[in-house]
Amino acid sequence: MNDWPEGWTGDDRGPRYGRGSTGAEPEGARVMRQVRRGRPAAPQGQGGPGGRPPTAPPYGVPQQPSYVDGGQGQNYADDGRGYDSGYNTGQVYGRPAGGGHGGPGAGPARGPRPAPNWGRRIKWTAITLVTVVVVTSVATYFWADSKLRREVDLSKVIDRPESGEGTNYLIVGSDSREGMSSEQKKQLHTGSAEGKRTDSMMILHVGDNGDTLISLPRDSDVEIPSYKGNESGKLYPATGRHTKLNAAYAEDGPTLLVRTVEYNTGLHIDHYVEIGFAGFANIVDAVGGVEMTIDKPFKDKWSGADFKAGKQKLNGEQALAFVRTRHAFAASDLQRTENQQKFLSALAHEVATPSTVLNPFKLYPTMGAGLDSLIVDKDMSLWDLASMFWAMKGVSGGDGISMNMPISGSTGGNLVWDKAKVKTLVDELKNDQKVTVTGN
């Protein structure tokens, strides 16, 4: 019996498939191709059977991905054509596992950030700081060492006394006008005399039993011994000639001055340091001035000094006038040497303060001004120079002794040393003993 509707036969149904069917299974049953939204329409003559356009899935539900290798195994979730169904990877749009935020194509969730290794950070910070300090210190040392003017050869000094304990520096302030313009000479009241002479001379003894600063008045009466000419190398025999101490410097420079001091005292001089007018003023200005307390007002047209009593800060010009003045005092040169000691100690104290040493904008100009203007002996090292300044700072702070060379009287306008006291003083310095002698 025919169960089909009227006019239909089993043959009209087309190829059949299923159990017992001899027809091939249609492609659409084996592979349900996915239809993407917005896919461009197939060109005319292409598409379904008979050239009919393919039909859209019912109700607009996207077709499912292929589960067999139909359609050449194409994975439409990642075919690069603009649509990703999300069904083939198991991706769920929204918050990914692990609580992180993500979306299509999001990478794996990140774990918690590890705690910083503070020990390692501190270690490398310390290493970096130490490296910077070491490199800066080494560079500064070589820079400063290269600026020292090692022009005095003490090996030319003959018949020298034996060295004692401690270190002895001969510190000389000369009236050298080297490098000064006419305007500077006028401003600093230096005059325009040719050559150079010594305005101040001091012996600084640095030892384990305290430091001692001894001023040698420039008008001191001394005997000029035999000596070898600094430039000529010629030997000049002693004639018993007496003159002022500063005349020895004027006659043959630093080496004869050292020879004369050693001969008249018996004290071995280890190092020589000299500074001129311009250098002295530049150092004072570089540290920003030096504070002084002046006991009594004084004025001197020769040096340009004009000071009131009381505490005040001296600039380079004022400082130079202060240490050069002698005509305003009854004690003349003796009072001047006391003022020189007082000021140089205050200057050394100012240079050695943390505000100068720890401030590169102040330290380097000060070092530059000082080292450019200092003339030292060939064996002088930066450590020797630092030791000298540190000792002068100690003297100004009360850790040492500041005195004049003992004077017994005068002859022909020259100051005569007290020979007995000088001998005791020199013996104490040679043996690095505490000084008991006092100066006038």
Protein backbone atom coordinates (compact mmCIF):
# COMPACT_ATOMS: atom_id res chain seq x y z
CA MET A 1 0.00 0.00 0.00
CA ASN A 2 1.19 3.41 -0.91
CA ASP A 3 1.64 5.43 2.29
CA TRP A 4 2.83 8.59 0.54
CA PRO A 5 0.54 11.48 -0.18
CA GLU A 6 -1.42 11.43 -3.34
CA GLY A 7 0.71 11.77 -6.41
CA TRP A 8 3.97 10.96 -4.55
CA THR A 9 5.94 7.87 -5.01
CA GLY A 10 8.91 6.61 -3.19
CA ASP A 11 10.98 7.39 -6.24
CA ASP A 12 9.97 11.04 -6.18
CA ARG A 13 11.75 11.58 -2.87
CA GLY A 14 15.12 11.62 -4.53
CA PRO A 15 18.12 9.74 -3.32
CA ARG A 16 17.46 8.20 0.04
CA TYR A 17 19.83 7.41 2.82
CA GLY A 18 19.60 5.70 6.09
CA ARG A 19 19.22 2.12 7.05
CA GLY A 20 18.99 -0.06 4.02
CA SER A 21 19.29 2.90 1.73
CA THR A 22 21.31 2.62 -1.45
CA GLY A 23 21.73 6.39 -1.74
CA ALA A 24 24.82 8.15 -0.63
CA GLU A 25 24.67 10.24 2.51
CA PRO A 26 24.40 13.90 1.51
CA GLU A 27 27.41 16.10 2.27
CA GLY A 28 25.34 18.34 4.47
CA ALA A 29 24.57 15.48 6.79
CA ARG A 30 28.17 14.45 7.14
CA VAL A 31 29.63 17.90 7.64
CA MET A 32 27.61 20.84 8.86
CA ARG A 33 29.57 23.73 7.52
CA GLN A 34 29.68 26.82 9.65
CA VAL A 35 28.13 29.92 8.24
CA ARG A 36 29.71 33.14 9.41
CA ARG A 37 27.77 36.29 9.97
CA GLY A 38 28.49 38.85 7.36
CA ARG A 39 29.95 36.33 4.95
CA PRO A 40 29.69 37.73 1.43
CA ALA A 41 27.10 36.11 -0.80
CA ALA A 42 28.33 33.46 -3.15
CA PRO A 43 28.75 34.67 -6.68
CA GLN A 44 26.02 33.88 -9.11
CA GLY A 45 26.25 30.33 -10.36
CA GLN A 46 27.88 29.11 -7.16
CA GLY A 47 26.43 27.88 -3.96
CA GLY A 48 23.87 25.10 -3.44
CA PRO A 49 22.76 22.44 -5.82
CA GLY A 50 21.53 23.78 -9.10
CA GLY A 51 23.25 27.08 -8.52
CA ARG A 52 20.83 28.06 -5.78
CA PRO A 53 22.27 30.24 -3.07
CA PRO A 54 22.92 28.45 0.19
CA THR A 55 20.23 28.73 2.73
CA ALA A 56 20.92 30.39 6.10
CA PRO A 57 20.49 28.34 9.22
CA PRO A 58 17.15 28.71 10.92
CA TYR A 59 16.63 31.46 13.46
CA GLY A 60 20.12 32.91 12.83
CA VAL A 61 21.88 30.39 15.11
CA PRO A 62 25.55 30.04 14.08
CA GLN A 63 26.45 26.69 12.72
CA GLN A 64 28.70 24.48 14.75
CA PRO A 65 32.37 23.79 14.03
CA SER A 66 33.42 20.77 12.08
CA TYR A 67 34.10 17.65 14.12
CA VAL A 68 35.53 15.69 11.24
CA ASP A 69 38.00 16.53 8.62
CA GLY A 70 35.38 17.84 6.30
CA GLY A 71 36.05 21.02 4.41
CA GLN A 72 39.75 20.27 4.30
CA GLY A 73 39.98 20.24 8.09
CA GLN A 74 39.39 24.01 8.28
CA ASN A 75 39.10 25.38 11.81
CA TYR A 76 36.74 28.30 11.49
CA ALA A 77 37.41 29.52 14.99
CA ASP A 78 40.85 30.62 13.83
CA ASP A 79 40.58 31.01 10.09
CA GLY A 80 41.51 34.68 10.07
CA ARG A 81 38.26 35.68 8.33
CA GLY A 82 36.86 37.82 11.10
CA TYR A 83 34.76 35.52 13.21
CA ASP A 84 35.57 33.33 16.17
CA SER A 85 32.79 31.18 17.50
CA GLY A 86 34.70 30.21 20.61
CA TYR A 87 33.22 26.74 20.56
CA ASN A 88 36.23 24.83 19.31
CA THR A 89 38.71 25.95 22.01
CA GLY A 90 36.47 25.89 25.00
CA GLN A 91 37.13 29.62 25.50
CA VAL A 92 34.55 31.37 27.58
CA TYR A 93 34.48 35.10 27.11
CA GLY A 94 34.69 36.89 30.38
CA ARG A 95 36.96 36.40 33.39
CA PRO A 96 39.60 33.69 32.73
CA ALA A 97 40.60 31.08 35.21
CA GLY A 98 42.77 32.43 37.98
CA GLY A 99 40.72 35.59 38.53
CA GLY A 100 42.57 37.75 35.98
CA HIS A 101 41.01 39.86 33.26
CA GLY A 102 41.20 38.60 29.75
CA GLY A 103 39.42 38.19 26.53
CA PRO A 104 39.81 36.60 23.21
CA GLY A 105 43.46 35.77 22.66
CA ALA A 106 44.45 36.70 26.25
CA GLY A 107 47.67 35.08 27.47
CA PRO A 108 48.04 32.94 30.52
CA ALA A 109 47.22 34.56 33.84
CA ARG A 110 50.23 36.08 35.67
CA GLY A 111 51.13 34.93 39.12
CA PRO A 112 51.77 37.33 42.06
CA ARG A 113 54.85 39.62 41.73
CA PRO A 114 57.76 38.33 43.79
CA ALA A 115 58.83 40.41 46.79
CA PRO A 116 61.85 42.70 46.09
CA ASN A 117 65.21 41.36 47.19
CA TRP A 118 66.24 44.25 49.46
CA GLY A 119 69.48 42.59 50.47
CA ARG A 120 70.59 42.41 46.85
CA ARG A 121 69.51 45.98 46.17
CA ILE A 122 71.37 47.34 49.20
CA LYS A 123 74.46 45.35 48.25
CA TRP A 124 74.62 46.75 44.71
CA THR A 125 73.80 50.27 45.88
CA ALA A 126 76.68 50.10 48.36
CA ILE A 127 79.04 48.74 45.70
CA THR A 128 78.04 51.55 43.31
CA LEU A 129 78.56 54.25 45.94
CA VAL A 130 81.95 52.86 46.98
CA THR A 131 83.03 52.68 43.34
CA VAL A 132 82.00 56.29 42.72
CA VAL A 133 83.83 57.49 45.85
CA VAL A 134 87.00 55.57 45.00
CA VAL A 135 87.07 56.72 41.37
CA THR A 136 86.38 60.34 42.38
CA SER A 137 89.04 60.26 45.10
CA VAL A 138 91.69 58.77 42.82
CA ALA A 139 90.88 61.27 40.05
CA THR A 140 90.98 64.17 42.53
CA TYR A 141 94.33 63.00 43.91
CA PHE A 142 95.99 62.87 40.50
CA TRP A 143 94.41 66.18 39.49
CA ALA A 144 95.64 67.90 42.66
CA ASP A 145 99.05 66.25 42.50
CA SER A 146 99.55 67.50 38.95
CA LYS A 147 98.92 71.09 40.03
CA LEU A 148 101.64 71.22 42.69
CA ARG A 149 104.56 73.39 41.63
CA ARG A 150 107.55 71.39 42.84
CA GLU A 151 110.23 73.94 42.01
CA VAL A 152 112.56 73.90 45.02
CA ASP A 153 115.38 71.35 45.06
CA LEU A 154 116.53 70.91 48.65
CA SER A 155 119.28 68.55 47.49
CA LYS A 156 121.24 71.68 46.55
CA VAL A 157 121.44 72.72 50.21
CA ILE A 158 124.87 71.81 51.60
CA ASP A 159 126.16 70.90 55.08
CA ARG A 160 122.72 70.10 56.48
CA PRO A 161 122.07 69.16 60.14
CA GLU A 162 120.81 65.66 60.92
CA SER A 163 117.08 65.02 60.84
CA GLY A 164 115.27 64.70 64.15
CA GLU A 165 111.90 63.33 65.19
CA GLY A 166 108.77 64.71 63.57
CA THR A 167 108.52 66.82 60.43
CA ASN A 168 109.61 70.44 60.01
CA TYR A 169 108.08 72.74 57.38
CA LEU A 170 109.49 76.13 56.44
CA ILE A 171 106.46 78.21 55.37
CA VAL A 172 107.23 81.39 53.47
CA GLY A 173 104.96 84.21 52.41
CA SER A 174 106.66 86.15 49.63
CA ASP A 175 105.83 89.49 48.09
CA SER A 176 105.85 87.91 44.66
CA ARG A 177 103.56 89.72 42.24
CA GLU A 178 103.66 86.88 39.74
CA GLY A 179 100.60 86.81 37.50
CA MET A 180 99.15 90.06 38.88
CA SER A 181 97.83 92.78 36.60
CA SER A 182 98.50 96.48 37.22
CA GLU A 183 94.94 96.82 38.47
CA GLN A 184 95.40 93.99 40.97
CA LYS A 185 98.66 95.46 42.25
CA LYS A 186 96.90 98.75 42.83
CA GLN A 187 93.89 97.12 44.46
CA LEU A 188 95.99 94.97 46.80
CA HIS A 189 98.48 97.78 47.60
CA THR A 190 101.44 95.58 46.66
CA GLY A 191 103.47 98.12 44.70
CA SER A 192 105.43 97.12 41.62
CA ALA A 193 108.85 96.18 42.97
CA GLU A 194 110.81 93.75 40.81
CA GLY A 195 111.81 90.32 42.07
CA LYS A 196 110.44 88.95 45.32
CA ARG A 197 111.24 89.07 49.01
CA THR A 198 109.85 87.34 52.06
CA ASP A 199 107.18 89.08 54.09
CA SER A 200 106.78 86.21 56.52
CA MET A 201 108.64 83.04 57.52
CA MET A 202 107.52 80.31 59.91
CA ILE A 203 108.67 76.91 61.07
CA LEU A 204 105.89 74.40 61.65
CA HIS A 205 106.91 71.31 63.61
CA VAL A 206 104.50 68.39 63.33
CA GLY A 207 105.08 65.68 65.94
CA ASP A 208 103.46 63.21 68.32
CA ASN A 209 103.68 65.55 71.31
CA GLY A 210 101.82 68.46 69.82
CA ASP A 211 102.43 70.79 66.90
CA THR A 212 104.41 74.02 67.18
CA LEU A 213 104.26 77.06 64.92
CA ILE A 214 107.24 79.42 65.27
CA SER A 215 107.42 82.77 63.50
CA LEU A 216 110.80 84.00 62.29
CA PRO A 217 110.77 87.81 62.09
CA ARG A 218 112.01 88.98 58.72
CA ASP A 219 114.28 91.48 60.49
CA SER A 220 116.04 88.70 62.44
CA ASP A 221 119.81 89.10 62.56
CA VAL A 222 121.43 86.03 60.98
CA GLU A 223 124.81 84.98 59.59
CA ILE A 224 124.96 83.99 55.93
CA PRO A 225 126.87 80.66 55.74
CA SER A 226 128.71 79.10 52.82
CA TYR A 227 126.30 77.92 50.16
CA LYS A 228 126.04 76.61 46.61
CA GLY A 229 124.37 78.93 44.12
CA ASN A 230 120.91 77.78 43.15
CA GLU A 231 121.34 78.63 39.47
CA SER A 232 125.11 78.74 38.99
CA GLY A 233 126.01 75.79 41.20
CA LYS A 234 129.05 77.82 42.32
CA LEU A 235 130.25 77.44 45.91
CA TYR A 236 130.21 80.69 47.88
CA PRO A 237 132.38 80.54 51.03
CA ALA A 238 131.23 81.99 54.35
CA THR A 239 132.56 85.45 55.22
CA GLY A 240 130.91 85.93 58.63
CA ARG A 241 128.50 88.42 57.09
CA HIS A 242 125.39 89.29 59.13
CA THR A 243 122.19 90.56 57.59
CA LYS A 244 118.41 90.38 57.93
CA LEU A 245 116.87 86.98 57.39
CA ASN A 246 114.76 88.06 54.43
CA ALA A 247 117.94 89.24 52.65
CA ALA A 248 119.03 85.61 52.30
CA TYR A 249 115.95 84.88 50.23
CA ALA A 250 116.49 87.96 48.11
CA GLU A 251 120.12 86.97 47.52
CA ASP A 252 119.68 83.42 46.21
CA GLY A 253 116.13 82.27 46.72
CA PRO A 254 114.61 79.41 48.70
CA THR A 255 117.69 77.16 48.91
CA LEU A 256 119.84 79.86 50.54
CA LEU A 257 116.98 80.71 52.91
CA VAL A 258 116.73 77.07 53.99
CA ARG A 259 120.52 76.86 54.33
CA THR A 260 120.56 80.05 56.47
CA VAL A 261 117.72 78.88 58.77
CA GLU A 262 119.34 75.47 59.28
CA TYR A 263 122.78 77.01 59.95
CA ASN A 264 121.48 79.55 62.50
CA THR A 265 119.13 77.14 64.32
CA GLY A 266 120.63 73.66 63.86
CA LEU A 267 117.15 72.37 62.94
CA HIS A 268 116.73 70.22 59.81
CA ILE A 269 114.03 71.50 57.42
CA ASP A 270 112.14 68.65 55.75
CA HIS A 271 109.81 70.59 53.45
CA TYR A 272 109.48 74.03 51.93
CA VAL A 273 106.18 75.83 51.13
CA GLU A 274 105.87 79.30 49.60
CA ILE A 275 102.87 81.41 48.61
CA GLY A 276 102.73 84.83 46.94
CA PHE A 277 100.40 87.80 47.32
CA ALA A 278 97.93 86.88 44.60
CA GLY A 279 97.72 83.23 45.64
CA PHE A 280 97.06 84.16 49.24
CA ALA A 281 94.19 86.47 48.33
CA ASN A 282 92.72 83.93 45.90
CA ILE A 283 92.63 81.18 48.54
CA VAL A 284 90.81 83.44 50.99
CA ASP A 285 88.23 84.40 48.38
CA ALA A 286 87.79 80.76 47.31
CA VAL A 287 86.73 79.69 50.82
CA GLY A 288 84.33 82.62 51.01
CA GLY A 289 86.38 84.72 53.44
CA VAL A 290 87.87 84.07 56.86
CA GLU A 291 86.29 85.19 60.11
CA MET A 292 88.61 87.03 62.49
CA THR A 293 88.30 88.87 65.78
CA ILE A 294 90.41 92.04 65.80
CA ASP A 295 91.21 93.30 69.28
CA LYS A 296 92.01 96.92 68.43
CA PRO A 297 91.27 99.05 65.37
CA PHE A 298 94.22 99.98 63.14
CA LYS A 299 94.93 101.65 59.85
CA ASP A 300 97.98 101.53 57.56
CA LYS A 301 98.33 103.38 54.26
CA TRP A 302 101.22 101.15 53.16
CA SER A 303 99.25 97.90 53.27
CA GLY A 304 95.81 99.44 52.75
CA ALA A 305 94.59 98.18 56.15
CA ASP A 306 91.60 99.91 57.72
CA PHE A 307 90.02 97.73 60.40
CA LYS A 308 87.61 98.28 63.25
CA ALA A 309 87.66 96.22 66.43
CA GLY A 310 85.40 93.18 66.71
CA LYS A 311 84.50 90.00 64.85
CA GLN A 312 84.43 90.34 61.08
CA LYS A 313 84.90 88.30 57.91
CA LEU A 314 87.88 89.28 55.78
CA ASN A 315 87.97 88.83 52.03
CA GLY A 316 91.17 88.27 50.07
CA GLU A 317 92.12 91.94 49.79
CA GLN A 318 91.46 92.63 53.47
CA ALA A 319 93.28 89.46 54.57
CA LEU A 320 96.40 90.43 52.64
CA ALA A 321 96.37 93.89 54.22
CA PHE A 322 95.94 92.32 57.66
CA VAL A 323 98.97 90.02 57.42
CA ARG A 324 101.23 92.64 55.81
CA THR A 325 100.65 95.53 58.22
CA ARG A 326 103.56 96.45 60.50
CA HIS A 327 103.80 100.26 60.44
CA ALA A 328 100.63 100.59 62.51
CA PHE A 329 102.13 98.71 65.49
CA ALA A 330 104.70 99.75 68.04
CA ALA A 331 106.16 96.24 68.00
CA SER A 332 106.33 96.46 64.20
CA ASP A 333 107.46 93.12 62.77
CA LEU A 334 106.84 91.15 65.98
CA GLN A 335 103.19 92.17 66.02
CA ARG A 336 102.91 91.39 62.36
CA THR A 337 104.20 87.83 62.86
CA GLU A 338 101.59 87.28 65.57
CA ASN A 339 98.85 88.49 63.22
CA GLN A 340 100.17 86.25 60.47
CA GLN A 341 100.07 83.19 62.74
CA LYS A 342 96.61 84.06 63.90
CA PHE A 343 95.27 84.49 60.40
CA LEU A 344 96.97 81.45 58.83
CA SER A 345 95.62 79.23 61.59
CA ALA A 346 92.12 80.63 61.03
CA LEU A 347 92.50 80.09 57.27
CA ALA A 348 93.59 76.47 57.76
CA HIS A 349 90.63 75.93 60.07
CA GLU A 350 88.25 77.33 57.45
CA VAL A 351 89.73 75.16 54.68
CA ALA A 352 89.39 72.02 56.83
CA THR A 353 85.75 72.57 57.84
CA PRO A 354 83.06 70.16 56.54
CA SER A 355 81.35 73.05 54.74
CA THR A 356 84.44 73.29 52.52
CA VAL A 357 85.66 69.68 52.37
CA LEU A 358 82.22 68.16 51.66
CA ASN A 359 81.12 70.82 49.18
CA PRO A 360 82.70 70.15 45.76
CA PHE A 361 81.63 73.59 44.53
CA LYS A 362 83.76 75.09 47.29
CA LEU A 363 86.47 72.46 47.70
CA TYR A 364 87.71 72.31 44.11
CA PRO A 365 87.98 76.11 43.64
CA THR A 366 89.83 76.31 46.96
CA MET A 367 92.20 73.49 46.05
CA GLY A 368 92.71 74.96 42.61
CA ALA A 369 93.50 78.42 43.95
CA GLY A 370 95.82 77.06 46.63
CA LEU A 371 97.71 74.49 44.58
CA ASP A 372 98.21 76.85 41.65
CA SER A 373 99.85 79.44 43.88
CA LEU A 374 101.96 77.19 46.13
CA ILE A 375 105.62 76.56 45.39
CA VAL A 376 106.97 73.50 47.22
CA ASP A 377 110.04 71.29 47.31
CA LYS A 378 110.44 68.38 44.93
CA ASP A 379 109.81 65.77 47.64
CA MET A 380 106.53 67.28 48.84
CA SER A 381 103.53 64.97 48.51
CA LEU A 382 99.86 65.78 48.87
CA TRP A 383 99.86 63.84 52.13
CA ASP A 384 102.66 66.05 53.46
CA LEU A 385 100.74 69.14 52.43
CA ALA A 386 97.53 67.86 54.03
CA SER A 387 99.45 67.07 57.22
CA MET A 388 100.76 70.64 57.29
CA PHE A 389 97.31 72.20 56.94
CA TRP A 390 95.83 69.82 59.50
CA ALA A 391 98.56 70.75 61.99
CA MET A 392 97.91 74.45 61.44
CA LYS A 393 94.22 73.84 62.05
CA GLY A 394 95.14 72.08 65.30
CA VAL A 395 97.28 74.99 66.40
CA SER A 396 94.40 77.40 65.83
CA GLY A 397 92.12 75.11 67.83
CA GLY A 398 94.42 75.12 70.87
CA ASP A 399 95.96 71.69 70.25
CA GLY A 400 99.42 73.15 69.63
CA ILE A 401 101.71 76.05 70.45
CA SER A 402 102.05 79.29 68.52
CA MET A 403 105.05 81.52 69.31
CA ASN A 404 107.73 83.86 68.01
CA MET A 405 111.40 82.94 67.92
CA PRO A 406 112.80 84.04 71.31
CA ILE A 407 114.37 87.52 71.02
CA SER A 408 117.03 88.92 73.39
CA GLY A 409 117.39 92.41 71.88
CA SER A 410 118.35 94.23 68.69
CA THR A 411 121.40 95.51 66.91
CA GLY A 412 121.47 98.01 64.09
CA GLY A 413 117.73 97.58 63.59
CA ASN A 414 118.01 93.77 63.42
CA LEU A 415 116.35 91.52 66.01
CA VAL A 416 118.79 89.28 67.88
CA TRP A 417 117.69 85.80 68.86
CA ASP A 418 118.11 84.54 72.41
CA LYS A 419 120.73 81.84 71.76
CA ALA A 420 120.12 79.89 74.98
CA LYS A 421 116.38 79.70 74.47
CA VAL A 422 116.77 78.90 70.79
CA LYS A 423 119.07 75.98 71.64
CA THR A 424 116.56 74.59 74.16
CA LEU A 425 113.72 75.03 71.70
CA VAL A 426 115.57 73.27 68.89
CA ASP A 427 116.58 70.37 71.16
CA GLU A 428 112.94 69.86 72.19
CA LEU A 429 111.79 69.92 68.58
CA LYS A 430 114.53 67.50 67.45
CA ASN A 431 113.49 65.01 70.12
CA ASP A 432 109.79 65.68 69.50
CA GLN A 433 109.29 66.75 73.10
CA LYS A 434 106.68 69.12 74.41
CA VAL A 435 107.95 72.69 73.95
CA THR A 436 108.58 74.55 77.18
CA VAL A 437 110.25 77.64 75.76
CA THR A 438 108.22 80.78 75.23
CA GLY A 439 108.84 83.50 72.68
CA ASN A 440 108.68 87.27 73.17
